[in-house]
């Protein structure tokens, strides 16, 4: 973002609402360094330069705040005179109380206007806005918000309505006579009133007055523990991977297809984080960029509390740095000593179960979700000897579809440790069968099938070319005839390798081996 000439050799910018002064011509990297802002490599940064030219005549949307919540109206309809009255005097209506409520409408007032009341019943649609005059007297004007389609004589001007309610419609249904309009604010579409980019290029030059956003913050909803955990799993690496971008939302599609329980019914106002729970796109995470009503298909799991500007600036394919409150509590894969040290810092008691030695490895935590653990201030952990935990390296580039099945079947898409029960052992072969029968709804098309030989320690999955698809196997010796599950090579997908091959010899039929991914490790 390069701009015009500056009158001084210094510029002032904001980095995550922190104002700093930089030399003229400074870059994004210099701004991050000067502000001591941590930067997650490869994540996108939003840069916004707001325009000072704001023409009031262009404003068509207004946010109205009440004790029952906020709703928005858009100036529309045929009554141009009423639109002008509203635009010039909307601030005068702050503090106006509810005057009357019916099944069809709610009215706030009275106050004085210059409207021209007319007699006779008029037809109104749902969620429209009109001025009405009690006794056909402009000094007794009311703001009328309709709830249902109906016909009535409110003493409105000849052309009827001047606006419609575009969001927060449920607020209208909650009013009682003790309520009043608290605040009215024009909605400025800053996207249209600003120069803006979202970039990973730290050499970008900055203009005076720009605002920089390096991350956004999400506070999880206490009423959606499972959905919140779904979102925590999605952002386990600290980033939100932007898939679809539209005017009303951005999405992260990396857990699309994973079921998520519906827990929390709320309006999807700007910054709402929700998970689709049914239909096409279930498991997909959304962040709302404008206001939408509640949906029985979208469970609200959190809200953006900082950095919504970055969300609105994001482009498809970018990764955004996200901070989540509270931080996830995942003690799986830790020793009891490590877990107790971490949990004591946040006031959570650890109850040991299973193999309870200090160096035992935790493979199950109950309750499973962060919100439930914090609510109870206690977590029960099941431990196993370190010998029962096996490190694996998975080949994401070679077998993406098969790994989608594998991680889903043993839970690695949500947790750092997954169980893999031993079905049978013979000679140099170990066969496993995941408890979750993901092969019933996940594809296992042939991928990365061996050609001449299977190496010791390679993990194989039987693909759809064989009846026993979904079986997982490992051999402790090289084999040039059969795959790790005992199938011919064409029916075998090689998905990775075991890094602790010596640990296999302890396992017998019916045992459970626990696995954890070790990215980039070598033997």
Protein backbone atom coordinates (compact mmCIF):
# COMPACT_ATOMS: atom_id res chain seq x y z
CA UNK A 1 0.00 0.00 0.00
CA UNK A 2 1.84 3.06 -1.23
CA UNK A 3 0.36 6.51 -0.93
CA UNK A 4 0.97 10.14 -1.72
CA UNK A 5 3.79 12.32 -0.42
CA UNK A 6 3.87 13.10 3.30
CA UNK A 7 4.49 16.58 4.65
CA UNK A 8 6.80 15.28 7.39
CA UNK A 9 9.35 12.50 7.72
CA UNK A 10 7.20 10.65 10.26
CA UNK A 11 3.96 8.71 9.99
CA UNK A 12 1.57 7.50 12.66
CA UNK A 13 -0.11 4.09 12.37
CA UNK A 14 -2.11 1.76 14.61
CA UNK A 15 -1.14 -1.87 15.15
CA UNK A 16 -3.96 -3.78 16.87
CA UNK A 17 -5.21 -0.44 18.31
CA UNK A 18 -1.71 0.49 19.57
CA UNK A 19 -0.57 3.82 18.08
CA UNK A 20 3.08 4.06 17.02
CA UNK A 21 5.24 6.54 15.10
CA UNK A 22 7.45 5.36 12.24
CA UNK A 23 9.75 6.90 9.65
CA UNK A 24 8.09 7.91 6.38
CA UNK A 25 8.21 4.95 3.98
CA UNK A 26 8.24 2.36 6.77
CA UNK A 27 7.15 -1.17 5.96
CA UNK A 28 4.75 -3.58 7.59
CA UNK A 29 7.70 -5.53 9.03
CA UNK A 30 9.03 -2.38 10.69
CA UNK A 31 5.60 -1.65 12.18
CA UNK A 32 5.44 -5.12 13.69
CA UNK A 33 8.95 -4.77 15.10
CA UNK A 34 8.38 -1.29 16.55
CA UNK A 35 5.11 -2.33 18.18
CA UNK A 36 6.63 -5.59 19.47
CA UNK A 37 3.69 -7.43 17.92
CA UNK A 38 4.14 -11.22 17.71
CA UNK A 39 3.66 -12.47 14.16
CA UNK A 40 2.73 -15.98 13.11
CA UNK A 41 4.68 -16.71 9.95
CA UNK A 42 2.54 -16.96 6.81
CA UNK A 43 -0.62 -15.46 8.31
CA UNK A 44 -2.36 -12.59 6.56
CA UNK A 45 -2.43 -9.04 7.97
CA UNK A 46 -5.19 -6.53 7.32
CA UNK A 47 -4.37 -2.90 6.50
CA UNK A 48 -7.15 -0.32 6.50
CA UNK A 49 -6.99 3.35 5.56
CA UNK A 50 -10.28 5.00 6.37
CA UNK A 51 -11.61 7.79 4.20
CA UNK A 52 -12.53 11.12 5.78
CA UNK A 53 -15.18 11.70 3.11
CA UNK A 54 -18.46 10.46 4.51
CA UNK A 55 -21.55 11.79 2.80
CA UNK A 56 -24.53 11.55 5.15
CA UNK A 57 -26.89 11.31 2.22
CA UNK A 58 -25.35 7.96 1.33
CA UNK A 59 -26.27 6.43 4.69
CA UNK A 60 -29.24 4.10 4.35
CA UNK A 61 -28.78 1.76 7.32
CA UNK A 62 -29.17 2.57 11.01
CA UNK A 63 -28.55 0.47 14.13
CA UNK A 64 -31.11 0.92 16.92
CA UNK A 65 -30.08 -0.18 20.41
CA UNK A 66 -32.70 -1.14 23.00
CA UNK A 67 -32.69 -2.98 26.36
CA UNK A 68 -33.77 -6.12 24.46
CA UNK A 69 -30.93 -5.91 21.94
CA UNK A 70 -30.00 -4.24 18.68
CA UNK A 71 -31.84 -4.28 15.37
CA UNK A 72 -31.11 -2.52 12.10
CA UNK A 73 -33.31 -0.70 9.61
CA UNK A 74 -32.72 0.25 5.99
CA UNK A 75 -34.34 3.33 4.45
CA UNK A 76 -36.55 2.10 1.63
CA UNK A 77 -40.14 2.40 0.43
CA UNK A 78 -41.93 5.31 -1.25
CA UNK A 79 -42.17 7.88 1.54
CA UNK A 80 -39.25 10.19 0.64
CA UNK A 81 -40.45 12.92 3.00
CA UNK A 82 -40.35 10.56 5.98
CA UNK A 83 -36.87 9.36 4.96
CA UNK A 84 -35.66 12.94 5.06
CA UNK A 85 -37.27 13.57 8.44
CA UNK A 86 -35.61 10.44 9.80
CA UNK A 87 -32.18 11.31 8.36
CA UNK A 88 -32.26 14.79 9.85
CA UNK A 89 -33.79 14.00 13.24
CA UNK A 90 -33.04 10.34 14.13
CA UNK A 91 -30.94 11.41 17.14
CA UNK A 92 -34.02 13.16 18.56
CA UNK A 93 -35.71 9.75 18.94
CA UNK A 94 -33.13 8.40 21.41
CA UNK A 95 -34.77 7.89 24.79
CA UNK A 96 -38.24 7.51 23.26
CA UNK A 97 -40.24 4.89 25.23
CA UNK A 98 -42.62 2.18 24.06
CA UNK A 99 -46.09 3.76 23.87
CA UNK A 100 -48.17 0.76 22.90
CA UNK A 101 -47.80 -2.87 21.80
CA UNK A 102 -50.21 -5.01 19.76
CA UNK A 103 -49.91 -8.38 18.09
CA UNK A 104 -49.20 -6.56 14.80
CA UNK A 105 -46.91 -3.69 15.77
CA UNK A 106 -45.02 -1.81 18.47
CA UNK A 107 -44.95 1.99 18.69
CA UNK A 108 -42.40 4.33 20.31
CA UNK A 109 -43.31 7.91 21.14
CA UNK A 110 -44.73 10.44 21.20
CA UNK A 111 -42.62 13.23 19.68
CA UNK A 112 -43.22 16.12 17.28
CA UNK A 113 -42.49 15.95 13.52
CA UNK A 114 -43.44 17.66 10.26
CA UNK A 115 -45.19 14.63 8.79
CA UNK A 116 -48.49 15.05 6.94
CA UNK A 117 -50.91 12.51 8.48
CA UNK A 118 -53.61 10.95 6.30
CA UNK A 119 -56.84 9.23 7.25
CA UNK A 120 -57.79 5.73 6.16
CA UNK A 121 -56.48 2.22 6.68
CA UNK A 122 -53.24 1.22 4.95
CA UNK A 123 -51.71 -2.19 4.31
CA UNK A 124 -48.43 -3.05 6.02
CA UNK A 125 -46.04 -5.96 5.47
CA UNK A 126 -43.99 -7.63 8.21
CA UNK A 127 -41.03 -5.72 9.63
CA UNK A 128 -41.72 -2.33 8.07
CA UNK A 129 -41.18 1.09 9.66
CA UNK A 130 -43.53 4.08 9.44
CA UNK A 131 -44.38 7.30 11.20
CA UNK A 132 -47.89 7.46 12.62
CA UNK A 133 -49.78 10.34 14.21
CA UNK A 134 -52.10 9.77 17.14
CA UNK A 135 -55.29 11.78 16.59
CA UNK A 136 -53.79 12.74 13.21
CA UNK A 137 -51.70 15.35 15.03
CA UNK A 138 -47.98 15.66 13.99
CA UNK A 139 -47.20 16.78 17.53
CA UNK A 140 -48.24 13.28 18.63
CA UNK A 141 -46.05 11.30 16.20
CA UNK A 142 -44.93 7.70 16.88
CA UNK A 143 -42.37 5.37 15.32
CA UNK A 144 -44.24 2.22 14.33
CA UNK A 145 -42.46 -1.10 13.73
CA UNK A 146 -44.69 -3.79 12.25
CA UNK A 147 -44.52 -7.43 13.35
CA UNK A 148 -47.13 -8.98 11.05
CA UNK A 149 -48.83 -8.30 7.75
CA UNK A 150 -51.98 -6.30 8.56
CA UNK A 151 -54.18 -3.32 7.69
CA UNK A 152 -54.61 -0.39 10.08
CA UNK A 153 -55.06 3.37 10.31
CA UNK A 154 -52.09 4.83 12.18
CA UNK A 155 -52.40 8.33 10.72
CA UNK A 156 -49.33 7.65 8.59
CA UNK A 157 -48.31 9.83 5.62
CA UNK A 158 -49.87 9.06 2.25
CA UNK A 159 -46.94 6.94 1.02
CA UNK A 160 -46.86 4.72 4.12
CA UNK A 161 -43.58 3.15 5.19
CA UNK A 162 -40.10 4.63 4.83
CA UNK A 163 -37.87 1.74 6.05
CA UNK A 164 -37.69 -1.98 6.71
CA UNK A 165 -36.04 -4.01 9.46
CA UNK A 166 -33.12 -5.97 8.01
CA UNK A 167 -31.65 -7.66 11.10
CA UNK A 168 -32.47 -8.37 14.74
CA UNK A 169 -36.14 -8.93 13.93
CA UNK A 170 -36.56 -11.18 16.97
CA UNK A 171 -35.94 -8.13 19.19
CA UNK A 172 -39.36 -6.76 18.16
CA UNK A 173 -41.06 -9.73 19.73
CA UNK A 174 -39.45 -9.12 23.13
CA UNK A 175 -40.51 -5.54 23.87
CA UNK A 176 -42.63 -4.53 26.85
CA UNK A 177 -43.84 -1.12 27.99
CA UNK A 178 -40.79 -0.51 30.18
CA UNK A 179 -38.47 -0.49 27.14
CA UNK A 180 -37.17 2.51 25.20
CA UNK A 181 -34.82 3.37 22.34
CA UNK A 182 -31.37 3.82 23.90
CA UNK A 183 -29.20 4.71 20.93
CA UNK A 184 -29.45 5.20 17.15
CA UNK A 185 -26.32 5.10 15.00
CA UNK A 186 -25.86 5.25 11.22
CA UNK A 187 -24.15 2.17 9.79
CA UNK A 188 -21.17 3.25 7.70
CA UNK A 189 -20.09 0.60 5.23
CA UNK A 190 -16.41 1.04 5.93
CA UNK A 191 -15.50 -1.44 3.21
CA UNK A 192 -16.72 1.10 0.67
CA UNK A 193 -15.25 4.10 2.50
CA UNK A 194 -11.70 2.86 2.88
CA UNK A 195 -8.60 1.69 1.08
CA UNK A 196 -7.93 -1.83 2.29
CA UNK A 197 -5.72 -4.83 1.68
CA UNK A 198 -4.98 -8.15 3.37
CA UNK A 199 -1.46 -9.39 2.74
CA UNK A 200 1.37 -11.64 3.84
CA UNK A 201 3.95 -9.32 2.25
CA UNK A 202 5.83 -7.73 5.15
CA UNK A 203 7.67 -5.39 2.77
CA UNK A 204 4.42 -3.51 2.08
CA UNK A 205 4.95 0.22 2.58
CA UNK A 206 2.57 1.99 4.92
CA UNK A 207 0.70 5.30 4.65
CA UNK A 208 0.12 7.73 7.46
CA UNK A 209 -2.99 6.92 9.48
CA UNK A 210 -3.44 3.28 8.46
CA UNK A 211 -4.79 0.71 10.90
CA UNK A 212 -3.12 -2.71 11.00
CA UNK A 213 -4.75 -5.90 12.27
CA UNK A 214 -2.56 -8.98 12.76
CA UNK A 215 -4.99 -11.30 14.57
CA UNK A 216 -8.54 -11.70 15.78
CA UNK A 217 -9.82 -12.95 19.11
CA UNK A 218 -12.73 -15.32 19.75
CA UNK A 219 -14.47 -15.83 23.08
CA UNK A 220 -16.15 -19.24 23.19
CA UNK A 221 -19.83 -19.63 24.13
CA UNK A 222 -20.33 -21.43 27.48
CA UNK A 223 -23.60 -22.94 26.21
CA UNK A 224 -21.84 -24.78 23.36
CA UNK A 225 -19.08 -26.96 24.88
CA UNK A 226 -19.00 -29.52 22.05
CA UNK A 227 -19.21 -26.92 19.30
CA UNK A 228 -16.52 -24.85 21.01
CA UNK A 229 -14.28 -27.93 21.09
CA UNK A 230 -14.97 -28.44 17.37
CA UNK A 231 -13.72 -24.90 16.74
CA UNK A 232 -10.70 -25.43 18.99
CA UNK A 233 -9.82 -28.55 17.00
CA UNK A 234 -10.22 -26.65 13.76
CA UNK A 235 -7.81 -23.94 14.93
CA UNK A 236 -5.42 -26.23 16.80
CA UNK A 237 -2.44 -24.68 15.02
CA UNK A 238 -3.60 -21.16 15.94
CA UNK A 239 -4.93 -20.27 12.51
CA UNK A 240 -8.30 -19.97 10.79
CA UNK A 241 -7.98 -21.25 7.21
CA UNK A 242 -10.20 -19.05 5.04
CA UNK A 243 -12.23 -21.08 2.55
CA UNK A 244 -15.30 -19.33 1.18
CA UNK A 245 -15.54 -15.53 1.38
CA UNK A 246 -18.84 -13.72 0.87
CA UNK A 247 -20.33 -10.39 1.88
CA UNK A 248 -22.00 -12.00 4.89
CA UNK A 249 -19.40 -14.52 6.16
CA UNK A 250 -16.05 -16.23 5.85
CA UNK A 251 -15.69 -19.95 6.44
CA UNK A 252 -13.10 -22.55 7.38
CA UNK A 253 -13.97 -25.79 5.61
CA UNK A 254 -11.28 -28.08 7.02
CA UNK A 255 -13.68 -30.03 9.25
CA UNK A 256 -16.53 -30.04 6.77
CA UNK A 257 -18.24 -33.42 6.96
CA UNK A 258 -17.49 -33.87 10.66
CA UNK A 259 -20.67 -34.03 12.74
CA UNK A 260 -21.20 -31.38 15.41
CA UNK A 261 -24.08 -31.28 17.90
CA UNK A 262 -26.52 -28.37 17.81
CA UNK A 263 -26.34 -26.60 21.18
CA UNK A 264 -26.86 -22.84 21.03
CA UNK A 265 -29.60 -20.84 19.27
CA UNK A 266 -28.62 -17.17 18.93
CA UNK A 267 -28.86 -14.40 16.32
CA UNK A 268 -25.79 -14.39 14.09
CA UNK A 269 -24.73 -10.78 14.56
CA UNK A 270 -21.45 -9.45 13.15
CA UNK A 271 -18.59 -11.49 14.61
CA UNK A 272 -20.66 -14.54 15.52
CA UNK A 273 -18.80 -17.85 15.16
CA UNK A 274 -21.11 -20.73 14.27
CA UNK A 275 -20.85 -24.35 13.14
CA UNK A 276 -23.24 -25.78 10.58
CA UNK A 277 -24.73 -28.91 12.15
CA UNK A 278 -26.92 -30.41 9.40
CA UNK A 279 -27.09 -30.74 5.65
CA UNK A 280 -24.51 -29.86 3.05
CA UNK A 281 -21.50 -28.32 4.74
CA UNK A 282 -22.05 -29.78 8.22
CA UNK A 283 -18.98 -29.26 10.38
CA UNK A 284 -18.06 -26.09 8.51
CA UNK A 285 -17.16 -23.05 10.67
CA UNK A 286 -18.55 -19.61 9.84
CA UNK A 287 -17.74 -16.11 11.07
CA UNK A 288 -20.52 -13.62 10.33
CA UNK A 289 -19.53 -10.36 8.62
CA UNK A 290 -23.00 -8.85 8.87
CA UNK A 291 -26.12 -9.47 10.90
CA UNK A 292 -28.29 -12.52 10.25
CA UNK A 293 -31.14 -14.08 12.18
CA UNK A 294 -30.83 -17.25 14.24
CA UNK A 295 -30.76 -20.53 12.32
CA UNK A 296 -31.67 -24.06 13.35
CA UNK A 297 -28.78 -25.23 11.14
CA UNK A 298 -26.07 -23.04 12.71
CA UNK A 299 -25.09 -23.55 16.35
CA UNK A 300 -23.38 -20.46 17.78
CA UNK A 301 -20.07 -21.43 19.43
CA UNK A 302 -18.41 -18.07 20.06
CA UNK A 303 -18.02 -14.40 19.20
CA UNK A 304 -15.18 -12.30 17.80
CA UNK A 305 -14.20 -9.84 20.53
CA UNK A 306 -11.20 -8.22 18.80
CA UNK A 307 -10.03 -7.85 15.22
CA UNK A 308 -13.32 -8.20 13.31
CA UNK A 309 -11.73 -5.88 10.75
CA UNK A 310 -9.23 -8.61 9.84
CA UNK A 311 -12.08 -11.07 9.35
CA UNK A 312 -13.84 -8.65 7.00
CA UNK A 313 -10.64 -8.02 5.02
CA UNK A 314 -9.68 -11.68 4.59
CA UNK A 315 -9.41 -13.37 1.21
CA UNK A 316 -10.01 -16.97 0.25
CA UNK A 317 -6.95 -19.17 0.76
CA UNK A 318 -5.40 -17.01 3.47
CA UNK A 319 -4.60 -18.13 7.02
CA UNK A 320 -5.56 -15.78 9.87
CA UNK A 321 -3.95 -15.71 13.29
CA UNK A 322 -6.65 -16.41 15.90
CA UNK A 323 -6.48 -16.19 19.69
CA UNK A 324 -9.18 -18.08 21.60
CA UNK A 325 -10.59 -17.48 25.08
CA UNK A 326 -10.41 -19.71 27.01
CA UNK A 327 -7.31 -21.49 25.81
CA UNK A 328 -7.88 -25.18 25.02
CA UNK A 329 -7.29 -27.70 27.77
CA UNK A 330 -5.79 -30.77 26.15
CA UNK A 331 -3.63 -32.95 28.36
CA UNK A 332 -3.67 -35.96 26.04
CA UNK A 333 -0.15 -37.16 25.30
CA UNK A 334 1.24 -35.55 28.47
CA UNK A 335 2.64 -37.29 31.51
CA UNK A 336 0.72 -36.89 34.78
CA UNK A 337 3.51 -34.65 36.09
CA UNK A 338 3.30 -32.35 33.06
CA UNK A 339 -0.50 -32.22 33.18
CA UNK A 340 -0.64 -31.42 36.91
CA UNK A 341 1.83 -28.58 36.48
CA UNK A 342 -0.23 -27.08 33.64
CA UNK A 343 -3.63 -27.56 35.29
CA UNK A 344 -2.56 -26.15 38.66
CA UNK A 345 -1.89 -22.80 36.96
CA UNK A 346 -5.58 -22.49 36.00
CA UNK A 347 -7.07 -23.99 39.18
CA UNK A 348 -8.14 -27.35 37.72
CA UNK A 349 -7.77 -30.52 39.79
CA UNK A 350 -6.40 -33.65 38.09
CA UNK A 351 -7.79 -37.05 39.09
CA UNK A 352 -5.55 -39.96 38.05
CA UNK A 353 -6.96 -43.19 36.63
CA UNK A 354 -5.54 -46.27 34.89
CA UNK A 355 -1.75 -46.44 35.01
CA UNK A 356 -1.09 -43.62 37.52
CA UNK A 357 2.72 -43.37 37.68
CA UNK A 358 4.13 -39.85 37.30
CA UNK A 359 5.56 -40.64 33.86
CA UNK A 360 2.44 -42.42 32.57
CA UNK A 361 0.98 -40.95 29.38
CA UNK A 362 -2.57 -39.58 29.43
CA UNK A 363 -4.72 -40.97 26.62
CA UNK A 364 -8.27 -40.16 27.79
CA UNK A 365 -9.62 -37.07 29.58
CA UNK A 366 -13.11 -36.79 31.11
CA UNK A 367 -14.93 -34.53 30.53
CA UNK A 368 -13.54 -34.15 27.02
CA UNK A 369 -14.26 -30.44 26.42
CA UNK A 370 -12.46 -27.35 27.66
CA UNK A 371 -15.64 -25.58 28.77
CA UNK A 372 -16.85 -28.57 30.80
CA UNK A 373 -13.45 -28.98 32.47
CA UNK A 374 -13.33 -25.31 33.47
CA UNK A 375 -16.92 -25.48 34.73
CA UNK A 376 -16.16 -28.45 36.97
CA UNK A 377 -12.61 -27.24 37.83
CA UNK A 378 -11.68 -30.93 37.62
CA UNK A 379 -10.66 -33.47 34.99
CA UNK A 380 -10.24 -37.24 35.23
CA UNK A 381 -7.31 -38.57 33.22
CA UNK A 382 -6.65 -42.16 32.18
CA UNK A 383 -2.98 -43.05 31.85
CA UNK A 384 -1.03 -45.82 30.14
CA UNK A 385 2.67 -46.72 30.23
CA UNK A 386 4.76 -44.75 27.72
CA UNK A 387 5.34 -48.02 25.86
CA UNK A 388 1.66 -48.05 24.83
CA UNK A 389 1.98 -44.73 22.94
CA UNK A 390 3.40 -45.03 19.44
CA UNK A 391 4.58 -42.13 17.28
CA UNK A 392 3.55 -42.14 13.64
CA UNK A 393 4.41 -40.01 10.63
CA UNK A 394 1.58 -39.58 8.08
CA UNK A 395 1.96 -38.81 4.36
CA UNK A 396 -0.53 -35.96 3.86
CA UNK A 397 0.66 -35.09 0.36
CA UNK A 398 0.34 -38.67 -0.91
CA UNK A 399 -2.93 -39.90 0.63
CA UNK A 400 -5.20 -36.98 1.58
CA UNK A 401 -8.47 -38.91 1.22
CA UNK A 402 -7.30 -41.99 3.09
CA UNK A 403 -5.92 -39.85 5.91
CA UNK A 404 -9.28 -38.09 6.11
CA UNK A 405 -10.74 -41.55 6.81
CA UNK A 406 -7.94 -42.60 9.18
CA UNK A 407 -7.93 -39.46 11.33
CA UNK A 408 -11.71 -39.52 11.51
CA UNK A 409 -11.78 -43.20 12.48
CA UNK A 410 -9.42 -42.82 15.44
CA UNK A 411 -10.17 -39.19 16.36
CA UNK A 412 -6.86 -37.56 15.37
CA UNK A 413 -8.67 -34.73 13.60
CA UNK A 414 -9.85 -33.56 17.05
CA UNK A 415 -7.25 -34.88 19.50
CA UNK A 416 -3.47 -35.37 19.56
CA UNK A 417 -3.83 -39.02 20.67
CA UNK A 418 -6.05 -41.69 19.13
CA UNK A 419 -6.80 -45.35 20.06
CA UNK A 420 -6.11 -48.15 17.61
CA UNK A 421 -7.34 -51.55 18.92
CA UNK A 422 -5.34 -54.65 17.89
CA UNK A 423 -7.60 -57.05 15.97
CA UNK A 424 -5.04 -59.78 15.35
CA UNK A 425 -1.30 -60.50 15.18
CA UNK A 426 0.50 -63.18 13.20
CA UNK A 427 4.12 -63.72 12.22
CA UNK A 428 5.44 -60.21 11.43
CA UNK A 429 2.00 -58.63 10.86
CA UNK A 430 -0.23 -56.51 13.14
CA UNK A 431 -3.83 -55.82 12.10
CA UNK A 432 -5.87 -53.03 13.71
CA UNK A 433 -9.54 -52.08 13.47
CA UNK A 434 -10.67 -48.62 14.57
CA UNK A 435 -13.65 -48.48 16.96
CA UNK A 436 -15.35 -45.90 14.75
CA UNK A 437 -16.57 -47.42 11.49
CA UNK A 438 -15.75 -44.40 9.35
CA UNK A 439 -15.48 -46.55 6.22
CA UNK A 440 -19.29 -46.50 6.07
CA UNK A 441 -19.28 -42.80 5.12
CA UNK A 442 -15.68 -42.00 4.11
CA UNK A 443 -14.09 -42.85 0.79
CA UNK A 444 -10.98 -45.03 0.70
CA UNK A 445 -10.11 -44.86 -2.98
CA UNK A 446 -6.78 -46.38 -4.10
CA UNK A 447 -3.95 -43.96 -3.20
CA UNK A 448 -0.21 -44.47 -2.90
CA UNK A 449 -0.42 -48.22 -3.40
CA UNK A 450 2.94 -50.01 -3.18
CA UNK A 451 4.58 -51.16 -6.41
CA UNK A 452 7.38 -53.62 -5.59
CA UNK A 453 7.82 -53.81 -1.85
CA UNK A 454 6.33 -52.74 1.51
CA UNK A 455 8.89 -51.55 4.02
CA UNK A 456 9.02 -52.49 7.69
CA UNK A 457 7.01 -50.03 9.77
CA UNK A 458 4.88 -48.69 6.91
CA UNK A 459 1.20 -48.27 7.81
CA UNK A 460 -1.30 -49.64 5.31
CA UNK A 461 -5.05 -49.22 4.97
CA UNK A 462 -7.18 -51.63 2.94
CA UNK A 463 -8.92 -49.60 0.23
CA UNK A 464 -12.28 -50.03 -1.50
CA UNK A 465 -10.87 -52.59 -3.92
CA UNK A 466 -11.15 -55.25 -1.19
CA UNK A 467 -13.98 -56.45 1.06
CA UNK A 468 -12.11 -55.70 4.29
CA UNK A 469 -11.71 -52.01 3.52
CA UNK A 470 -10.80 -49.83 6.47
CA UNK A 471 -8.46 -52.36 8.08
CA UNK A 472 -5.15 -50.90 9.27
CA UNK A 473 -1.94 -52.93 9.28
CA UNK A 474 1.81 -52.77 9.91
CA UNK A 475 4.60 -55.25 9.16
CA UNK A 476 7.81 -55.45 11.15
CA UNK A 477 9.74 -56.80 8.11
CA UNK A 478 9.89 -55.80 4.45
CA UNK A 479 7.47 -57.70 2.19
CA UNK A 480 7.40 -57.87 -1.62
CA UNK A 481 4.17 -59.93 -1.87
CA UNK A 482 1.47 -58.48 0.38
CA UNK A 483 0.60 -55.15 1.98
CA UNK A 484 0.59 -54.42 5.73
CA UNK A 485 -3.03 -55.65 6.09
CA UNK A 486 -2.28 -58.91 4.22
CA UNK A 487 -3.98 -57.66 1.03
CA UNK A 488 -2.48 -57.52 -2.45
CA UNK A 489 -0.70 -54.27 -3.30
CA UNK A 490 -3.57 -52.90 -5.42
CA UNK A 491 -5.90 -53.10 -2.43
CA UNK A 492 -3.46 -51.32 -0.09
CA UNK A 493 -2.89 -47.61 0.57
CA UNK A 494 0.33 -46.70 2.37
CA UNK A 495 -0.54 -43.76 4.67
CA UNK A 496 2.63 -43.34 6.75
CA UNK A 497 5.02 -45.16 9.02
CA UNK A 498 5.50 -46.06 12.67
CA UNK A 499 8.53 -44.40 14.24
CA UNK A 500 8.59 -46.69 17.32
CA UNK A 501 8.55 -50.03 15.53
CA UNK A 502 10.15 -51.84 18.50
CA UNK A 503 7.09 -51.08 20.65
CA UNK A 504 4.86 -53.33 18.51
CA UNK A 505 6.18 -56.60 19.90
CA UNK A 506 4.43 -56.05 23.27
CA UNK A 507 0.91 -55.89 21.77
CA UNK A 508 -1.43 -58.90 21.70
CA UNK A 509 -4.89 -59.48 20.22
CA UNK A 510 -7.42 -57.25 21.98
CA UNK A 511 -4.87 -54.71 23.27
CA UNK A 512 -5.23 -51.01 22.45
CA UNK A 513 -2.31 -49.17 20.92
CA UNK A 514 -2.41 -45.38 21.18
CA UNK A 515 -0.91 -43.30 18.39
CA UNK A 516 0.19 -39.67 18.10
CA UNK A 517 1.43 -37.78 15.07
CA UNK A 518 5.07 -36.72 15.03
CA UNK A 519 5.41 -34.31 12.15
CA UNK A 520 8.81 -34.19 10.54
CA UNK A 521 10.50 -36.60 12.94
CA UNK A 522 12.94 -39.25 11.78
CA UNK A 523 14.12 -42.38 13.42
